[in-house]
Protein backbone atom coordinates (compact mmCIF):
# COMPACT_ATOMS: atom_id res chain seq x y z
CA MET A 1 -43.16 29.11 -5.39
CA ILE A 2 -41.62 29.86 -8.79
CA ASP A 3 -38.59 27.75 -9.60
CA LEU A 4 -36.10 30.56 -10.22
CA PRO A 5 -32.86 29.85 -12.06
CA LYS A 6 -29.59 30.46 -10.23
CA LYS A 7 -28.96 33.57 -12.30
CA LEU A 8 -32.13 35.61 -12.81
CA ALA A 9 -31.78 36.74 -16.41
CA GLU A 10 -32.55 40.35 -17.21
CA SER A 11 -34.36 39.19 -20.36
CA GLN A 12 -37.20 38.09 -18.05
CA LEU A 13 -37.80 41.73 -17.18
CA LYS A 14 -40.67 43.49 -18.96
CA ILE A 15 -40.89 47.28 -18.88
CA GLY A 16 -43.51 49.60 -20.30
CA LEU A 17 -43.31 53.38 -20.05
CA GLU A 18 -45.97 56.08 -19.94
CA THR A 19 -44.08 59.32 -20.47
CA HIS A 20 -45.52 62.80 -19.98
CA LEU A 21 -43.82 65.33 -22.24
CA PRO A 22 -44.53 69.05 -21.56
CA LEU A 23 -44.98 70.95 -24.80
CA LYS A 24 -43.13 74.15 -25.64
CA THR A 25 -46.18 76.33 -26.29
CA LYS A 26 -46.64 79.97 -25.29
CA SER A 27 -50.03 79.38 -23.67
CA LYS A 28 -51.78 76.58 -21.81
CA LEU A 29 -53.84 73.82 -23.39
CA PHE A 30 -57.32 75.21 -22.78
CA CYS A 31 -56.78 78.90 -21.99
CA SER A 32 -54.53 81.84 -22.88
CA CYS A 33 -52.55 81.84 -19.61
CA SER A 34 -48.77 81.85 -20.10
CA THR A 35 -46.70 78.69 -19.70
CA LYS A 36 -43.58 80.63 -18.71
CA LYS A 37 -42.15 79.72 -15.33
CA SER A 38 -42.94 82.23 -12.62
CA GLY A 39 -41.39 82.61 -9.20
CA ARG A 40 -44.71 83.75 -7.76
CA PRO A 41 -47.31 81.00 -7.19
CA ASN A 42 -50.82 81.33 -8.61
CA THR A 43 -50.09 84.40 -10.76
CA GLN A 44 -50.59 82.77 -14.20
CA VAL A 45 -54.10 81.48 -13.72
CA CYS A 46 -57.67 82.11 -14.86
CA GLU A 47 -61.09 80.59 -14.26
CA VAL A 48 -60.34 77.76 -16.73
CA CYS A 49 -57.08 76.49 -15.20
CA LEU A 50 -58.53 77.01 -11.72
CA GLY A 51 -61.51 74.86 -12.71
CA LEU A 52 -64.13 77.38 -11.61
CA PRO A 53 -67.79 76.49 -12.23
CA GLY A 54 -69.08 77.62 -15.61
CA SER A 55 -65.63 78.04 -17.21
CA LYS A 56 -65.20 76.60 -20.70
CA PRO A 57 -62.01 75.25 -22.33
CA THR A 58 -60.73 76.52 -25.70
CA LEU A 59 -58.27 74.19 -27.44
CA ASN A 60 -54.71 75.33 -28.23
CA ASN A 61 -54.08 74.45 -31.90
CA ALA A 62 -50.30 74.62 -31.47
CA ALA A 63 -50.50 71.71 -29.02
CA VAL A 64 -52.54 69.67 -31.51
CA LYS A 65 -50.00 70.29 -34.28
CA ALA A 66 -47.18 69.28 -31.92
CA ALA A 67 -48.98 66.02 -31.16
CA ILE A 68 -49.37 65.27 -34.87
CA LYS A 69 -45.67 66.05 -35.48
CA LEU A 70 -44.52 63.66 -32.76
CA GLY A 71 -46.99 61.01 -33.89
CA LEU A 72 -45.68 61.16 -37.45
CA ALA A 73 -42.04 61.20 -36.28
CA LEU A 74 -42.77 57.98 -34.35
CA GLY A 75 -44.41 56.34 -37.37
CA CYS A 76 -47.88 56.42 -35.81
CA LYS A 77 -51.27 56.38 -37.46
CA ILE A 78 -52.99 59.76 -36.98
CA ASN A 79 -56.59 59.15 -35.95
CA SER A 80 -59.34 61.26 -37.45
CA PRO A 81 -61.62 61.79 -35.71
CA SER A 82 -60.33 61.66 -32.14
CA PHE A 83 -61.79 63.35 -29.08
CA PHE A 84 -61.25 64.36 -25.46
CA SER A 85 -62.60 62.70 -22.33
CA ARG A 86 -62.90 63.54 -18.66
CA LYS A 87 -60.82 61.35 -16.37
CA THR A 88 -62.49 61.62 -12.98
CA TYR A 89 -60.53 61.44 -9.76
CA PHE A 90 -60.54 63.38 -6.51
CA TYR A 91 -57.19 64.93 -5.71
CA PRO A 92 -56.20 68.46 -4.65
CA ASP A 93 -54.08 69.14 -7.76
CA MET A 94 -57.20 68.97 -10.00
CA SER A 95 -59.67 71.47 -8.56
CA LYS A 96 -62.48 70.53 -10.97
CA ASN A 97 -62.06 66.86 -9.92
CA PHE A 98 -61.40 65.62 -13.44
CA GLN A 99 -58.58 65.84 -15.96
CA ILE A 100 -59.23 66.53 -19.64
CA THR A 101 -57.35 63.88 -21.59
CA GLN A 102 -57.85 61.39 -24.42
CA TYR A 103 -58.80 57.81 -23.70
CA GLU A 104 -60.97 55.93 -26.19
CA ILE A 105 -59.39 57.32 -29.36
CA PRO A 106 -55.98 59.00 -29.00
CA ILE A 107 -54.68 61.42 -31.60
CA ALA A 108 -51.96 58.93 -32.65
CA GLU A 109 -51.33 55.20 -32.16
CA ASN A 110 -49.42 52.12 -33.36
CA GLY A 111 -45.99 53.62 -33.93
CA PHE A 112 -42.42 52.73 -32.96
CA LEU A 113 -39.08 54.12 -31.83
CA MET A 114 -35.83 52.46 -32.90
CA LEU A 115 -33.10 51.79 -30.33
CA GLY A 116 -30.28 50.61 -32.57
CA ASP A 117 -31.78 47.62 -34.37
CA LYS A 118 -34.53 47.08 -31.79
CA LYS A 119 -38.06 48.37 -32.38
CA ILE A 120 -39.88 49.70 -29.32
CA ARG A 121 -43.59 49.73 -30.13
CA ILE A 122 -45.53 52.88 -29.32
CA LYS A 123 -49.08 52.01 -28.32
CA ARG A 124 -50.49 55.55 -28.29
CA VAL A 125 -49.76 59.27 -28.13
CA HIS A 126 -52.45 61.46 -26.62
CA ILE A 127 -52.96 65.04 -25.44
CA GLU A 128 -53.84 65.98 -21.87
CA GLU A 129 -53.55 68.81 -19.35
CA ASP A 130 -51.01 68.99 -16.55
CA PRO A 131 -52.31 69.11 -12.95
CA ALA A 132 -51.26 71.80 -10.48
CA LYS A 133 -48.10 71.57 -8.40
CA ILE A 134 -48.36 70.43 -4.77
CA VAL A 135 -45.72 71.77 -2.39
CA HIS A 136 -45.47 69.78 0.84
CA LYS A 137 -44.43 71.66 4.00
CA ASP A 138 -44.00 70.38 7.56
CA ASN A 139 -47.55 69.25 8.32
CA TYR A 140 -49.49 70.86 5.50
CA SER A 141 -49.46 71.24 1.69
CA LEU A 142 -49.71 74.21 -0.66
CA ILE A 143 -50.98 74.24 -4.25
CA ASP A 144 -49.56 76.32 -7.10
CA TYR A 145 -51.90 76.44 -10.12
CA ASN A 146 -49.39 78.13 -12.45
CA ARG A 147 -48.62 74.69 -13.95
CA SER A 148 -52.26 73.63 -14.09
CA GLY A 149 -53.46 73.26 -17.67
CA ARG A 150 -50.02 73.16 -19.27
CA PRO A 151 -50.19 70.96 -22.41
CA LEU A 152 -48.72 67.48 -22.17
CA LEU A 153 -48.28 64.60 -24.57
CA GLU A 154 -48.45 61.15 -23.02
CA ILE A 155 -46.47 58.54 -24.95
CA VAL A 156 -47.26 54.94 -24.01
CA THR A 157 -45.08 52.01 -25.06
CA GLU A 158 -45.79 48.31 -25.24
CA PRO A 159 -43.75 46.29 -22.67
CA ASP A 160 -40.85 45.92 -25.14
CA LEU A 161 -38.06 47.24 -22.92
CA ASN A 162 -35.98 44.62 -21.11
CA SER A 163 -33.46 46.44 -18.93
CA PRO A 164 -33.11 49.62 -16.87
CA LYS A 165 -30.37 50.81 -19.23
CA GLU A 166 -32.61 50.26 -22.25
CA ALA A 167 -35.43 52.24 -20.63
CA ARG A 168 -33.07 55.15 -20.00
CA ALA A 169 -31.86 55.04 -23.62
CA TYR A 170 -35.48 55.08 -24.83
CA LEU A 171 -36.29 58.18 -22.75
CA GLN A 172 -33.17 59.95 -24.00
CA LYS A 173 -34.07 59.15 -27.62
CA LEU A 174 -37.70 60.25 -27.16
CA SER A 175 -36.54 63.52 -25.59
CA LEU A 176 -34.08 64.08 -28.45
CA ILE A 177 -36.72 63.51 -31.13
CA ALA A 178 -39.06 65.99 -29.41
CA GLU A 179 -36.18 68.48 -29.17
CA TYR A 180 -35.44 68.18 -32.91
CA LEU A 181 -39.16 68.70 -33.64
CA GLN A 182 -38.92 71.91 -31.55
CA ILE A 183 -41.89 70.93 -29.40
CA PHE A 184 -39.92 70.30 -26.19
CA ASP A 185 -37.26 72.20 -24.25
CA PRO A 186 -34.38 69.79 -23.46
CA ALA A 187 -33.24 72.06 -20.62
CA ASP A 188 -36.58 71.23 -19.01
CA GLU A 189 -35.75 67.51 -18.74
CA ALA A 190 -36.75 67.34 -15.06
CA SER A 191 -40.36 68.11 -16.03
CA MET A 192 -40.44 65.09 -18.35
CA LYS A 193 -42.00 62.49 -16.06
CA SER A 194 -42.66 58.79 -16.58
CA ASP A 195 -44.87 56.16 -15.01
CA VAL A 196 -42.92 52.91 -15.21
CA ASN A 197 -44.60 49.50 -15.39
CA VAL A 198 -42.33 46.64 -14.31
CA SER A 199 -42.93 42.89 -14.18
CA ILE A 200 -40.70 39.79 -14.11
CA PHE A 201 -41.38 36.24 -15.27
CA GLY A 202 -44.82 37.20 -16.58
CA GLY A 203 -46.02 38.09 -13.09
CA SER A 204 -48.15 40.98 -11.87
CA ARG A 205 -47.33 44.44 -13.17
CA VAL A 206 -46.20 47.09 -10.70
CA GLU A 207 -46.49 50.76 -11.63
CA ILE A 208 -44.00 53.35 -10.30
CA LYS A 209 -45.47 56.85 -10.60
CA ASN A 210 -44.06 60.24 -11.57
CA ILE A 211 -40.34 59.59 -12.03
CA SER A 212 -38.42 62.64 -13.23
CA GLY A 213 -35.40 62.43 -15.50
CA PHE A 214 -33.51 59.60 -17.17
CA LYS A 215 -31.16 58.51 -14.39
CA ASP A 216 -33.90 58.18 -11.79
CA ALA A 217 -36.01 56.08 -14.17
CA GLU A 218 -33.07 53.69 -14.62
CA LYS A 219 -32.42 53.56 -10.86
CA ALA A 220 -36.10 53.02 -9.99
CA ILE A 221 -36.43 50.12 -12.44
CA ASN A 222 -33.21 48.55 -11.20
CA PHE A 223 -34.44 48.69 -7.58
CA GLU A 224 -37.89 47.38 -8.49
CA GLN A 225 -36.63 44.35 -10.41
CA ILE A 226 -34.41 43.41 -7.45
CA ARG A 227 -37.33 43.89 -5.05
CA GLN A 228 -39.64 41.71 -7.14
CA LYS A 229 -37.01 38.97 -7.47
CA ASN A 230 -36.55 38.98 -3.69
CA VAL A 231 -40.33 38.69 -3.20
CA LEU A 232 -40.42 35.63 -5.48
CA LEU A 233 -37.40 34.08 -3.78
CA THR A 234 -39.26 34.14 -0.45
CA GLY A 235 -42.15 32.20 -2.01
CA LYS A 236 -44.57 35.14 -2.16
CA LYS A 237 -46.38 36.69 -5.11
CA VAL A 238 -45.77 40.16 -6.50
CA VAL A 239 -48.89 42.24 -5.85
CA GLN A 240 -50.21 44.56 -8.56
CA GLU A 241 -49.92 48.01 -7.04
CA THR A 242 -48.81 51.60 -7.49
CA ARG A 243 -45.50 52.54 -5.89
CA MET A 244 -43.52 55.76 -5.51
CA TYR A 245 -39.77 56.16 -6.04
CA SER A 246 -37.62 58.19 -3.66
CA PRO A 247 -34.41 59.52 -5.31
CA VAL A 248 -32.97 60.17 -1.85
CA ALA A 249 -33.53 56.63 -0.54
CA GLY A 250 -33.08 55.03 -3.97
CA SER A 251 -36.07 52.76 -3.32
CA THR A 252 -39.77 52.35 -4.08
CA THR A 253 -42.58 52.24 -1.51
CA THR A 254 -46.25 51.27 -1.74
CA ALA A 255 -48.63 54.13 -2.52
CA ARG A 256 -51.89 52.27 -3.18
CA ILE A 257 -53.36 49.15 -4.72
CA LYS A 258 -53.52 49.78 -8.45
CA GLU A 259 -56.80 51.09 -9.82
CA THR A 260 -58.12 49.82 -13.14
CA GLU A 261 -58.90 52.27 -15.93
CA SER A 262 -62.63 51.68 -15.37
CA GLY A 263 -62.20 53.15 -11.91
CA TYR A 264 -61.58 56.58 -13.42
CA GLY A 265 -65.08 56.86 -14.87
CA TYR A 266 -64.12 58.25 -18.27
CA ILE A 267 -66.86 60.22 -20.03
CA PHE A 268 -66.86 62.25 -23.25
CA GLU A 269 -65.78 65.89 -22.82
CA PRO A 270 -68.85 67.84 -24.06
CA ASP A 271 -67.16 71.28 -24.13
CA LEU A 272 -64.59 70.36 -26.80
CA PRO A 273 -65.15 69.39 -30.46
CA TYR A 274 -63.94 66.26 -32.24
CA LEU A 275 -60.46 66.55 -33.77
CA GLU A 276 -60.72 65.85 -37.51
CA PHE A 277 -57.95 66.14 -40.10
CA SER A 278 -57.92 65.62 -43.85
CA LEU A 279 -55.17 63.55 -45.49
CA GLN A 280 -53.86 66.76 -47.07
CA GLU A 281 -53.54 68.44 -43.66
CA ILE A 282 -51.64 65.47 -42.22
CA GLU A 283 -49.32 65.37 -45.24
CA ARG A 284 -48.59 69.09 -44.90
CA VAL A 285 -47.42 68.48 -41.33
CA ARG A 286 -45.40 65.43 -42.44
CA ASN A 287 -43.66 67.46 -45.14
CA SER A 288 -42.82 70.18 -42.62
CA LEU A 289 -41.08 67.82 -40.18
CA GLU A 290 -37.58 68.81 -39.15
CA GLU A 291 -34.66 66.50 -39.91
CA LEU A 292 -34.61 63.93 -37.12
CA PRO A 293 -31.56 62.63 -35.18
CA ASP A 294 -31.27 59.32 -37.06
CA GLN A 295 -31.42 61.14 -40.41
CA LYS A 296 -28.69 63.57 -39.35
CA LYS A 297 -26.57 60.71 -38.06
CA GLN A 298 -26.79 58.89 -41.39
CA LYS A 299 -25.89 62.11 -43.20
CA PHE A 300 -22.84 62.67 -40.99
CA VAL A 301 -21.65 59.08 -41.52
CA LYS A 302 -21.93 59.61 -45.29
CA LEU A 303 -19.69 62.66 -44.86
CA GLY A 304 -17.01 60.30 -43.56
CA LEU A 305 -17.41 60.57 -39.80
CA ASN A 306 -17.40 57.37 -37.74
CA LYS A 307 -20.67 56.25 -36.16
CA ALA A 308 -19.61 57.08 -32.59
CA THR A 309 -18.70 60.66 -33.53
CA ALA A 310 -21.90 61.10 -35.53
CA GLU A 311 -23.92 59.75 -32.59
CA SER A 312 -22.34 62.29 -30.26
CA LEU A 313 -22.84 65.18 -32.67
CA VAL A 314 -26.58 64.53 -32.98
CA SER A 315 -27.03 64.12 -29.21
CA GLU A 316 -28.07 67.79 -29.08
CA LYS A 317 -29.83 69.70 -31.84
CA ALA A 318 -27.81 72.88 -31.27
CA LEU A 319 -24.54 70.92 -31.47
CA SER A 320 -25.49 69.22 -34.74
CA GLU A 321 -26.43 72.59 -36.24
CA LEU A 322 -23.15 74.12 -35.06
CA PHE A 323 -21.24 71.28 -36.72
CA GLU A 324 -23.14 71.68 -40.00
CA GLU A 325 -22.71 75.45 -40.06
CA LEU A 326 -18.94 75.45 -39.43
CA SER A 327 -18.24 72.43 -41.67
CA LYS A 328 -19.03 74.73 -44.60
CA LYS A 329 -15.93 76.79 -43.70
CA PHE A 330 -13.53 74.37 -41.97
CA ASP A 331 -12.51 70.73 -42.37
CA LYS A 332 -15.30 68.50 -41.03
CA ASN A 333 -12.92 66.41 -38.89
CA LEU A 334 -11.49 69.55 -37.29
CA VAL A 335 -14.98 70.85 -36.52
CA ALA A 336 -16.11 67.46 -35.18
CA THR A 337 -13.10 67.24 -32.86
CA TYR A 338 -13.80 70.58 -31.21
CA CYS A 339 -17.58 70.05 -31.15
CA LEU A 340 -16.95 66.94 -29.04
CA ILE A 341 -14.70 68.98 -26.73
CA LEU A 342 -17.49 71.54 -26.39
CA LEU A 343 -20.01 68.76 -25.64
CA LYS A 344 -17.72 67.29 -22.97
CA THR A 345 -17.37 70.74 -21.40
CA THR A 346 -21.10 71.53 -21.32
CA ASN A 347 -21.90 68.06 -19.97
CA TYR A 348 -19.36 68.60 -17.18
CA ASN A 349 -21.10 71.87 -16.31
CA GLY A 350 -24.56 70.26 -16.41
CA ILE A 351 -25.92 72.43 -19.24
CA LYS A 352 -26.99 72.09 -22.86
CA VAL A 353 -25.12 73.69 -25.77
CA GLU A 354 -28.22 75.67 -26.72
CA GLN A 355 -28.22 77.37 -23.31
CA ILE A 356 -25.11 79.37 -24.21
CA ASN A 357 -24.64 81.37 -27.41
CA ILE A 358 -21.12 80.23 -28.17
CA ASN A 359 -21.25 80.11 -31.98
CA PRO A 360 -19.26 83.32 -32.72
CA GLU A 361 -16.49 82.47 -30.23
CA PHE A 362 -16.40 78.85 -31.37
CA ALA A 363 -15.85 79.92 -34.99
CA LYS A 364 -13.02 82.18 -33.84
CA ILE A 365 -11.39 79.29 -31.97
CA LEU A 366 -11.49 77.11 -35.10
CA GLU A 367 -10.04 79.96 -37.17
CA GLN A 368 -7.09 80.29 -34.79
CA VAL A 369 -6.53 76.51 -34.63
CA ASN A 370 -6.73 76.31 -38.42
CA THR A 371 -4.06 79.01 -38.82
CA ASN A 372 -1.84 77.53 -36.06
CA LYS A 373 -2.23 80.58 -33.84
CA ILE A 374 -3.28 78.34 -30.96
CA ASN A 375 -2.81 74.64 -30.34
CA LYS A 376 -5.34 72.02 -29.28
CA HIS A 377 -4.56 72.31 -25.60
CA GLU A 378 -5.03 76.10 -25.71
CA ALA A 379 -8.26 75.75 -27.71
CA GLU A 380 -9.68 73.31 -25.16
CA GLU A 381 -8.69 75.66 -22.33
CA ILE A 382 -10.38 78.60 -24.06
CA ILE A 383 -13.57 76.57 -24.65
CA ARG A 384 -13.66 75.61 -20.97
CA LYS A 385 -13.19 79.21 -19.83
CA ILE A 386 -15.76 80.60 -22.30
CA VAL A 387 -18.39 78.12 -21.09
CA GLU A 388 -17.69 79.06 -17.47
CA LEU A 389 -17.91 82.81 -18.26
CA LYS A 390 -21.11 82.35 -20.29
CA ILE A 391 -22.72 80.49 -17.39
CA LYS A 392 -21.79 83.37 -15.07
CA ASN A 393 -23.05 85.95 -17.64
CA LYS A 394 -19.71 87.74 -17.67
CA ALA A 395 -19.09 90.70 -19.99
CA PRO A 396 -17.97 89.92 -23.59
CA ALA A 397 -14.71 91.79 -22.93
CA LYS A 398 -13.65 89.09 -20.45
CA ILE A 399 -14.31 86.44 -23.11
CA ASN A 400 -12.50 88.36 -25.86
CA CYS A 401 -9.34 88.66 -23.77
CA LEU A 402 -9.01 84.86 -23.88
CA PHE A 403 -7.95 85.15 -27.51
CA ASP A 404 -5.08 87.61 -27.02
CA GLY A 405 -2.65 84.91 -25.87
CA GLU A 406 -1.45 87.09 -23.00
CA SER A 407 -3.73 85.75 -20.28
CA TRP A 408 -1.52 82.82 -19.25
CA ASP A 409 0.23 82.90 -15.87
CA PHE A 410 3.78 82.68 -17.32
CA ASP A 411 6.20 84.70 -19.47
CA LEU A 412 6.39 82.90 -22.82
CA ASN A 413 9.43 84.89 -23.96
CA GLU A 414 11.37 83.90 -20.87
CA ILE A 415 10.55 80.18 -21.21
CA VAL A 416 11.40 80.04 -24.93
CA GLU A 417 14.69 81.88 -24.47
CA LYS A 418 15.60 79.55 -21.60
CA VAL A 419 14.91 76.43 -23.75
CA ARG A 420 16.90 77.93 -26.63
CA ALA A 421 19.84 78.76 -24.35
CA GLN A 422 19.92 75.12 -23.19
CA ASN A 423 19.99 73.95 -26.82
CA LYS A 424 21.95 76.76 -28.50
CA GLU A 425 24.06 74.38 -30.62
CA LYS A 426 21.03 72.79 -32.28
CA ASP A 427 20.20 73.71 -35.87
CA LEU A 428 16.71 75.25 -36.22
CA SER A 429 16.67 74.59 -39.95
CA ASP A 430 16.16 70.90 -39.16
CA PRO A 431 12.37 70.38 -38.78
CA LYS A 432 12.93 67.57 -36.24
CA ILE A 433 15.08 69.86 -34.07
CA LEU A 434 12.51 72.67 -34.34
CA ASN A 435 9.68 70.34 -33.31
CA PHE A 436 11.78 69.03 -30.44
CA LEU A 437 12.37 72.54 -29.09
CA ILE A 438 8.71 73.44 -29.50
CA GLY A 439 7.90 70.32 -27.49
CA GLN A 440 10.32 71.38 -24.76
CA VAL A 441 8.63 74.78 -24.52
CA LEU A 442 5.14 73.25 -24.38
CA ARG A 443 6.28 70.88 -21.65
CA GLU A 444 7.32 73.91 -19.58
CA THR A 445 4.04 75.75 -20.29
CA LYS A 446 1.93 72.61 -19.79
CA GLY A 447 0.74 72.70 -23.40
CA LYS A 448 -0.03 76.43 -23.54
CA GLY A 449 1.44 78.90 -25.98
CA ASN A 450 1.00 80.14 -29.54
CA ILE A 451 3.04 77.83 -31.81
CA GLN A 452 3.85 80.56 -34.35
CA LYS A 453 4.93 82.89 -31.56
CA ILE A 454 7.14 80.15 -30.04
CA ILE A 455 8.88 79.64 -33.40
CA LYS A 456 9.40 83.38 -33.81
CA ILE A 457 10.95 83.72 -30.33
CA LEU A 458 13.13 80.64 -30.90
CA LYS A 459 14.60 82.15 -34.05
CA ARG A 460 15.08 85.49 -32.35
CA ALA A 461 16.71 83.78 -29.35
CA LYS A 462 19.14 81.99 -31.69
CA GLY A 463 20.60 85.34 -32.69
CA LYS A 464 21.00 86.37 -29.08
CA ASN A 465 22.92 83.23 -28.22
CA LYS A 466 25.51 83.39 -31.02
């Protein structure tokens, strides 16, 4: 029995991730079938993605370029040549009984991803095809081959992660980098799956298969480290195995005793050529790389924003671009403030900024705030309502009416005149008195109301009350 300390330190936890990233290509990896989602099963298929005898794969060059881009962004060495292999296993989601992947020589290897000051080593990045989708019913299963053959990148880390929270942060950063490179759709996060390898105190490694999303990866690792600690506390050994995570139960269960890589019977894929690149070709891709999140963050900090604000602004590519675009016209701190409000609103609604075309309306909001036509509370309310209307695909006219200042459920004239009547002896020429009365009005309207209009009505009401 291992002599465990009273407090089992999280630093004894070793985590390695194998993440499958679906690429944003128009067609599949080895055929011209569309990768668009379809509500009808088995309608985007051909003899290649169905694995029919005699069918031959044709490589999608866009997927290869995407792999090189990610490899370079992660500081990897791009291997030339590299090649594809057949990974043999019998399972209903691979009708040809093997998966085309890369094993011996991946397209990229030996890179890293920075989490703050910590370097997470990337062992390899390789290209492979997605299996079909299995839909389990009561006592039978159905197979949808629409997903079969979709291009994936598998990104494998060394066991450098030491906590569930750190693993989640790594997945978020990896997703963000792929989003900035425009090779991955961030709204498709659920299809980004990870196999998680967990061990404690240098013991046997346990693999948890096919975890979707960031939160579930964190939860699965947290459960598994507790389970393994409890196994050791009872004097038993942790068995190397493959387990499955249930988001509903919040626990992992045994699937099978872990196979070794030799059990897959890898052989060279004879129907595909070697992948070879010249140094000039690799440099052309490197020079075409989009500005990455860390680079944008540094740029925003140099503009004078604090690190926390800059970190939030680069958390979505569309948000960072919105900030940059509008900072050319408005004060950067003003734009940053309302960009963060927009981010908070979209997060609350469970969507990404890029999923709604809010740029024209957002610029109009900043224009009205900048000219004191609306206050911060009103601007935040308008942002919230615009996001809700955009999600519901409401007509632009409904959105435009939010800017007319007449959509509130109160009579502004009545409230202002009432406040003025209660303070008719006060001198409006005194800025402190004017601000006090404006504050009284906003208290009645719960922060709503055009400031310039309030001042105008106050001055008009003064004449009435003489």
